[in-house]
Amino acid sequence: MARAKGLDLIEVSPTAVPPVCRIGDYGRLKYEQSKKDKEARKKQRNWELREVKLRPKIDVHDYEVKAKMAERLLLDGGKVKVTIMFRGREITYTAFGKRLLDRVAKDLENSAIVEREAKLEGKNMFLILAPRATPLGPPRFVHLKTDTAHHDAETAVHHDEPDEAAENGVSTEAVATVEGAHA
């Protein structure tokens, strides 16, 4: 029947008894299947795992920079692996590393969930964070650079308030001169 119509005999289910076949154009079937696969890949969410590395004796500002980077990566939609690298005898103080990873998880809890708890492998301890589908609140570290209206409003409030020196009867020019002389 397929040869008479100039089409192909396509086996649909080879494991069934008897095997199920249909008559159709095999090239068109392959084309439609590739379109379905491409559409499924487009809808599929690819999780990219990015890594942020820390040391157990990290300074406060350095920690904030790394936390800001991790939060930005989470907001972009990727998973983040936070790694603490121990060197030499630092490995004996893994409690510091555990505390630091717990602090990262706590600081980023608005935008992330802990996918894998802190785990020590060799000389590295790591934690994997995944982005939340709906954030619990605003990001803690990442601030939009274009949102300056809030900052401008704060500075305007500070300029409108009377100084303590003016309230005490001292002019603000005299205070500025004295401050300039000490500088």
C-alpha atoms as a PDB file:
ATOM      1  CA  MET A   1       0.000   0.000   0.000  1.00  0.00           C
ATOM      2  CA  ALA A   2       2.869   2.418   0.862  1.00  0.00           C
ATOM      3  CA  ARG A   3       4.631   1.777  -2.490  1.00  0.00           C
ATOM      4  CA  ALA A   4       1.383   2.239  -4.358  1.00  0.00           C
ATOM      5  CA  LYS A   5       0.906   5.671  -2.728  1.00  0.00           C
ATOM      6  CA  GLY A   6       4.589   6.632  -3.084  1.00  0.00           C
ATOM      7  CA  LEU A   7       5.055   7.007   0.704  1.00  0.00           C
ATOM      8  CA  ASP A   8       7.094   5.292   3.415  1.00  0.00           C
ATOM      9  CA  LEU A   9       6.074   2.570   5.865  1.00  0.00           C
ATOM     10  CA  ILE A  10       6.891   3.998   9.325  1.00  0.00           C
ATOM     11  CA  GLU A  11       7.174   1.639  12.296  1.00  0.00           C
ATOM     12  CA  VAL A  12       5.485   3.412  15.257  1.00  0.00           C
ATOM     13  CA  SER A  13       5.734   0.770  17.996  1.00  0.00           C
ATOM     14  CA  PRO A  14       8.163  -2.081  17.299  1.00  0.00           C
ATOM     15  CA  THR A  15       7.626  -3.795  20.681  1.00  0.00           C
ATOM     16  CA  ALA A  16       3.854  -4.251  20.279  1.00  0.00           C
ATOM     17  CA  VAL A  17       2.462  -7.582  19.057  1.00  0.00           C
ATOM     18  CA  PRO A  18       1.848  -7.228  16.136  1.00  0.00           C
ATOM     19  CA  PRO A  19       4.163  -4.227  15.458  1.00  0.00           C
ATOM     20  CA  VAL A  20       2.275  -0.989  14.777  1.00  0.00           C
ATOM     21  CA  CYS A  21       3.087   0.785  11.506  1.00  0.00           C
ATOM     22  CA  ARG A  22       1.639   3.662   9.526  1.00  0.00           C
ATOM     23  CA  ILE A  23       1.977   5.010   6.043  1.00  0.00           C
ATOM     24  CA  GLY A  24       3.446   8.510   5.674  1.00  0.00           C
ATOM     25  CA  ASP A  25       6.380  10.657   4.546  1.00  0.00           C
ATOM     26  CA  TYR A  26       9.393   9.775   6.734  1.00  0.00           C
ATOM     27  CA  GLY A  27      11.263  13.008   5.899  1.00  0.00           C
ATOM     28  CA  ARG A  28       8.288  15.106   7.038  1.00  0.00           C
ATOM     29  CA  LEU A  29       8.000  13.054  10.252  1.00  0.00           C
ATOM     30  CA  LYS A  30      11.703  13.656  11.053  1.00  0.00           C
ATOM     31  CA  TYR A  31      11.274  17.394  10.355  1.00  0.00           C
ATOM     32  CA  GLU A  32       8.239  17.698  12.667  1.00  0.00           C
ATOM     33  CA  GLN A  33      10.043  15.714  15.383  1.00  0.00           C
ATOM     34  CA  SER A  34      13.092  18.016  15.185  1.00  0.00           C
ATOM     35  CA  LYS A  35      10.797  21.073  15.496  1.00  0.00           C
ATOM     36  CA  LYS A  36       9.173  19.567  18.615  1.00  0.00           C
ATOM     37  CA  ASP A  37      12.594  18.822  20.136  1.00  0.00           C
ATOM     38  CA  LYS A  38      13.831  22.352  19.414  1.00  0.00           C
ATOM     39  CA  GLU A  39      10.710  23.848  21.026  1.00  0.00           C
ATOM     40  CA  ALA A  40      11.148  21.626  24.096  1.00  0.00           C
ATOM     41  CA  ARG A  41      14.805  22.704  24.450  1.00  0.00           C
ATOM     42  CA  LYS A  42      13.766  26.347  24.191  1.00  0.00           C
ATOM     43  CA  LYS A  43      11.283  25.944  27.058  1.00  0.00           C
ATOM     44  CA  GLN A  44      13.740  23.948  29.150  1.00  0.00           C
ATOM     45  CA  ARG A  45      15.601  25.995  31.739  1.00  0.00           C
ATOM     46  CA  ASN A  46      19.348  25.487  31.626  1.00  0.00           C
ATOM     47  CA  TRP A  47      20.853  25.906  35.092  1.00  0.00           C
ATOM     48  CA  GLU A  48      24.336  27.204  34.916  1.00  0.00           C
ATOM     49  CA  LEU A  49      26.466  26.431  37.957  1.00  0.00           C
ATOM     50  CA  ARG A  50      28.769  29.331  38.822  1.00  0.00           C
ATOM     51  CA  GLU A  51      31.314  29.337  41.630  1.00  0.00           C
ATOM     52  CA  VAL A  52      32.288  31.946  44.199  1.00  0.00           C
ATOM     53  CA  LYS A  53      35.452  31.154  46.156  1.00  0.00           C
ATOM     54  CA  LEU A  54      36.170  32.384  49.673  1.00  0.00           C
ATOM     55  CA  ARG A  55      38.879  31.911  52.281  1.00  0.00           C
ATOM     56  CA  PRO A  56      38.185  31.261  55.980  1.00  0.00           C
ATOM     57  CA  LYS A  57      39.928  34.489  57.091  1.00  0.00           C
ATOM     58  CA  ILE A  58      38.047  36.774  54.700  1.00  0.00           C
ATOM     59  CA  ASP A  59      37.676  40.464  55.549  1.00  0.00           C
ATOM     60  CA  VAL A  60      34.228  42.083  55.900  1.00  0.00           C
ATOM     61  CA  HIS A  61      34.418  44.135  52.698  1.00  0.00           C
ATOM     62  CA  ASP A  62      35.783  41.228  50.679  1.00  0.00           C
ATOM     63  CA  TYR A  63      32.942  39.071  51.992  1.00  0.00           C
ATOM     64  CA  GLU A  64      30.386  41.679  50.929  1.00  0.00           C
ATOM     65  CA  VAL A  65      31.893  41.855  47.428  1.00  0.00           C
ATOM     66  CA  LYS A  66      31.715  38.058  47.068  1.00  0.00           C
ATOM     67  CA  ALA A  67      28.159  37.963  48.471  1.00  0.00           C
ATOM     68  CA  LYS A  68      27.118  40.694  46.034  1.00  0.00           C
ATOM     69  CA  MET A  69      28.573  38.651  43.166  1.00  0.00           C
ATOM     70  CA  ALA A  70      26.750  35.506  44.319  1.00  0.00           C
ATOM     71  CA  GLU A  71      23.479  37.414  44.644  1.00  0.00           C
ATOM     72  CA  ARG A  72      23.861  38.873  41.161  1.00  0.00           C
ATOM     73  CA  LEU A  73      24.485  35.396  39.715  1.00  0.00           C
ATOM     74  CA  LEU A  74      21.398  34.084  41.516  1.00  0.00           C
ATOM     75  CA  LEU A  75      19.270  36.951  40.204  1.00  0.00           C
ATOM     76  CA  ASP A  76      20.490  36.131  36.687  1.00  0.00           C
ATOM     77  CA  GLY A  77      18.942  32.687  37.147  1.00  0.00           C
ATOM     78  CA  GLY A  78      21.957  30.452  37.732  1.00  0.00           C
ATOM     79  CA  LYS A  79      22.930  28.228  40.604  1.00  0.00           C
ATOM     80  CA  VAL A  80      25.890  29.273  42.732  1.00  0.00           C
ATOM     81  CA  LYS A  81      28.478  27.051  44.356  1.00  0.00           C
ATOM     82  CA  VAL A  82      30.098  28.859  47.294  1.00  0.00           C
ATOM     83  CA  THR A  83      33.487  27.280  48.008  1.00  0.00           C
ATOM     84  CA  ILE A  84      35.784  27.877  50.968  1.00  0.00           C
ATOM     85  CA  MET A  85      39.376  26.897  50.274  1.00  0.00           C
ATOM     86  CA  PHE A  86      41.480  25.817  53.225  1.00  0.00           C
ATOM     87  CA  ARG A  87      45.276  26.007  53.025  1.00  0.00           C
ATOM     88  CA  GLY A  88      47.747  24.218  55.231  1.00  0.00           C
ATOM     89  CA  ARG A  89      46.674  24.066  58.849  1.00  0.00           C
ATOM     90  CA  GLU A  90      43.476  26.040  58.219  1.00  0.00           C
ATOM     91  CA  ILE A  91      41.812  22.681  57.580  1.00  0.00           C
ATOM     92  CA  THR A  92      41.771  22.060  61.330  1.00  0.00           C
ATOM     93  CA  TYR A  93      39.341  24.998  61.708  1.00  0.00           C
ATOM     94  CA  THR A  94      36.532  23.762  59.498  1.00  0.00           C
ATOM     95  CA  ALA A  95      34.028  25.236  61.975  1.00  0.00           C
ATOM     96  CA  PHE A  96      35.026  28.718  60.722  1.00  0.00           C
ATOM     97  CA  GLY A  97      34.246  27.621  57.177  1.00  0.00           C
ATOM     98  CA  LYS A  98      30.912  26.114  58.191  1.00  0.00           C
ATOM     99  CA  ARG A  99      29.971  29.322  60.021  1.00  0.00           C
ATOM    100  CA  LEU A 100      30.929  31.397  56.981  1.00  0.00           C
ATOM    101  CA  LEU A 101      28.837  29.248  54.624  1.00  0.00           C
ATOM    102  CA  ASP A 102      25.887  29.445  57.014  1.00  0.00           C
ATOM    103  CA  ARG A 103      26.304  33.233  57.029  1.00  0.00           C
ATOM    104  CA  VAL A 104      26.239  33.314  53.205  1.00  0.00           C
ATOM    105  CA  ALA A 105      23.078  31.190  53.163  1.00  0.00           C
ATOM    106  CA  LYS A 106      21.450  33.456  55.767  1.00  0.00           C
ATOM    107  CA  ASP A 107      22.426  36.658  53.948  1.00  0.00           C
ATOM    108  CA  LEU A 108      21.105  35.381  50.613  1.00  0.00           C
ATOM    109  CA  GLU A 109      17.947  33.689  51.912  1.00  0.00           C
ATOM    110  CA  ASN A 110      15.710  36.311  50.204  1.00  0.00           C
ATOM    111  CA  SER A 111      16.901  35.321  46.750  1.00  0.00           C
ATOM    112  CA  ALA A 112      18.183  31.751  47.217  1.00  0.00           C
ATOM    113  CA  ILE A 113      17.427  28.382  48.703  1.00  0.00           C
ATOM    114  CA  VAL A 114      20.083  25.953  49.903  1.00  0.00           C
ATOM    115  CA  GLU A 115      20.161  23.081  47.441  1.00  0.00           C
ATOM    116  CA  ARG A 116      23.053  21.228  49.060  1.00  0.00           C
ATOM    117  CA  GLU A 117      24.183  21.793  52.621  1.00  0.00           C
ATOM    118  CA  ALA A 118      27.802  22.618  53.472  1.00  0.00           C
ATOM    119  CA  LYS A 119      30.030  19.642  52.740  1.00  0.00           C
ATOM    120  CA  LEU A 120      33.780  19.139  53.155  1.00  0.00           C
ATOM    121  CA  GLU A 121      35.601  17.497  50.243  1.00  0.00           C
ATOM    122  CA  GLY A 122      39.356  17.372  50.564  1.00  0.00           C
ATOM    123  CA  LYS A 123      40.599  20.864  51.417  1.00  0.00           C
ATOM    124  CA  ASN A 124      37.458  22.595  50.155  1.00  0.00           C
ATOM    125  CA  MET A 125      34.083  23.073  51.794  1.00  0.00           C
ATOM    126  CA  PHE A 126      31.199  24.029  49.554  1.00  0.00           C
ATOM    127  CA  LEU A 127      27.515  24.900  49.549  1.00  0.00           C
ATOM    128  CA  ILE A 128      25.187  25.046  46.530  1.00  0.00           C
ATOM    129  CA  LEU A 129      22.505  27.740  46.318  1.00  0.00           C
ATOM    130  CA  ALA A 130      19.659  27.801  43.799  1.00  0.00           C
ATOM    131  CA  PRO A 131      17.567  30.869  42.949  1.00  0.00           C
ATOM    132  CA  ARG A 132      14.091  31.154  44.460  1.00  0.00           C
ATOM    133  CA  ALA A 133      11.175  31.139  42.034  1.00  0.00           C
ATOM    134  CA  THR A 134       9.652  34.065  43.928  1.00  0.00           C
ATOM    135  CA  PRO A 135      12.039  36.111  46.103  1.00  0.00           C
ATOM    136  CA  LEU A 136      11.043  36.640  49.734  1.00  0.00           C
ATOM    137  CA  GLY A 137      12.133  40.264  49.668  1.00  0.00           C
ATOM    138  CA  PRO A 138      14.466  42.736  48.017  1.00  0.00           C
ATOM    139  CA  PRO A 139      18.069  41.723  47.332  1.00  0.00           C
ATOM    140  CA  ARG A 140      20.390  42.430  50.230  1.00  0.00           C
ATOM    141  CA  PHE A 141      23.601  43.318  48.414  1.00  0.00           C
ATOM    142  CA  VAL A 142      22.741  44.146  44.792  1.00  0.00           C
ATOM    143  CA  HIS A 143      21.396  47.671  44.330  1.00  0.00           C
ATOM    144  CA  LEU A 144      20.331  49.117  41.002  1.00  0.00           C
ATOM    145  CA  LYS A 145      22.594  51.928  39.872  1.00  0.00           C
ATOM    146  CA  THR A 146      19.725  53.655  38.062  1.00  0.00           C
ATOM    147  CA  ASP A 147      17.674  53.960  41.261  1.00  0.00           C
ATOM    148  CA  THR A 148      19.094  57.271  42.470  1.00  0.00           C
ATOM    149  CA  ALA A 149      15.741  58.885  43.312  1.00  0.00           C
ATOM    150  CA  HIS A 150      15.803  57.300  46.777  1.00  0.00           C
ATOM    151  CA  HIS A 151      19.371  58.513  47.381  1.00  0.00           C
ATOM    152  CA  ASP A 152      18.532  62.039  46.165  1.00  0.00           C
ATOM    153  CA  ALA A 153      15.520  62.162  48.495  1.00  0.00           C
ATOM    154  CA  GLU A 154      17.697  61.136  51.472  1.00  0.00           C
ATOM    155  CA  THR A 155      20.320  63.800  50.775  1.00  0.00           C
ATOM    156  CA  ALA A 156      17.636  66.477  50.322  1.00  0.00           C
ATOM    157  CA  VAL A 157      16.210  65.615  53.751  1.00  0.00           C
ATOM    158  CA  HIS A 158      19.646  65.986  55.359  1.00  0.00           C
ATOM    159  CA  HIS A 159      20.236  69.391  53.735  1.00  0.00           C
ATOM    160  CA  ASP A 160      16.845  70.726  54.814  1.00  0.00           C
ATOM    161  CA  GLU A 161      17.357  69.859  58.491  1.00  0.00           C
ATOM    162  CA  PRO A 162      18.842  72.654  60.654  1.00  0.00           C
ATOM    163  CA  ASP A 163      22.342  72.053  61.981  1.00  0.00           C
ATOM    164  CA  GLU A 164      23.065  71.786  65.682  1.00  0.00           C
ATOM    165  CA  ALA A 165      25.527  74.678  65.317  1.00  0.00           C
ATOM    166  CA  ALA A 166      22.829  76.958  63.901  1.00  0.00           C
ATOM    167  CA  GLU A 167      20.513  76.050  66.772  1.00  0.00           C
ATOM    168  CA  ASN A 168      23.241  77.021  69.265  1.00  0.00           C
ATOM    169  CA  GLY A 169      23.622  80.472  67.705  1.00  0.00           C
ATOM    170  CA  VAL A 170      26.853  79.736  65.774  1.00  0.00           C
ATOM    171  CA  SER A 171      26.762  80.456  62.047  1.00  0.00           C
ATOM    172  CA  THR A 172      27.364  77.577  59.672  1.00  0.00           C
ATOM    173  CA  GLU A 173      30.130  79.532  57.918  1.00  0.00           C
ATOM    174  CA  ALA A 174      32.114  79.737  61.129  1.00  0.00           C
ATOM    175  CA  VAL A 175      31.712  75.996  61.684  1.00  0.00           C
ATOM    176  CA  ALA A 176      32.865  75.296  58.119  1.00  0.00           C
ATOM    177  CA  THR A 177      35.912  77.538  58.566  1.00  0.00           C
ATOM    178  CA  VAL A 178      36.870  75.878  61.827  1.00  0.00           C
ATOM    179  CA  GLU A 179      36.435  72.424  60.276  1.00  0.00           C
ATOM    180  CA  GLY A 180      38.493  73.519  57.267  1.00  0.00           C
ATOM    181  CA  ALA A 181      41.279  74.775  59.552  1.00  0.00           C
ATOM    182  CA  HIS A 182      41.475  71.419  61.334  1.00  0.00           C
ATOM    183  CA  ALA A 183      41.581  69.496  58.075  1.00  0.00           C
END
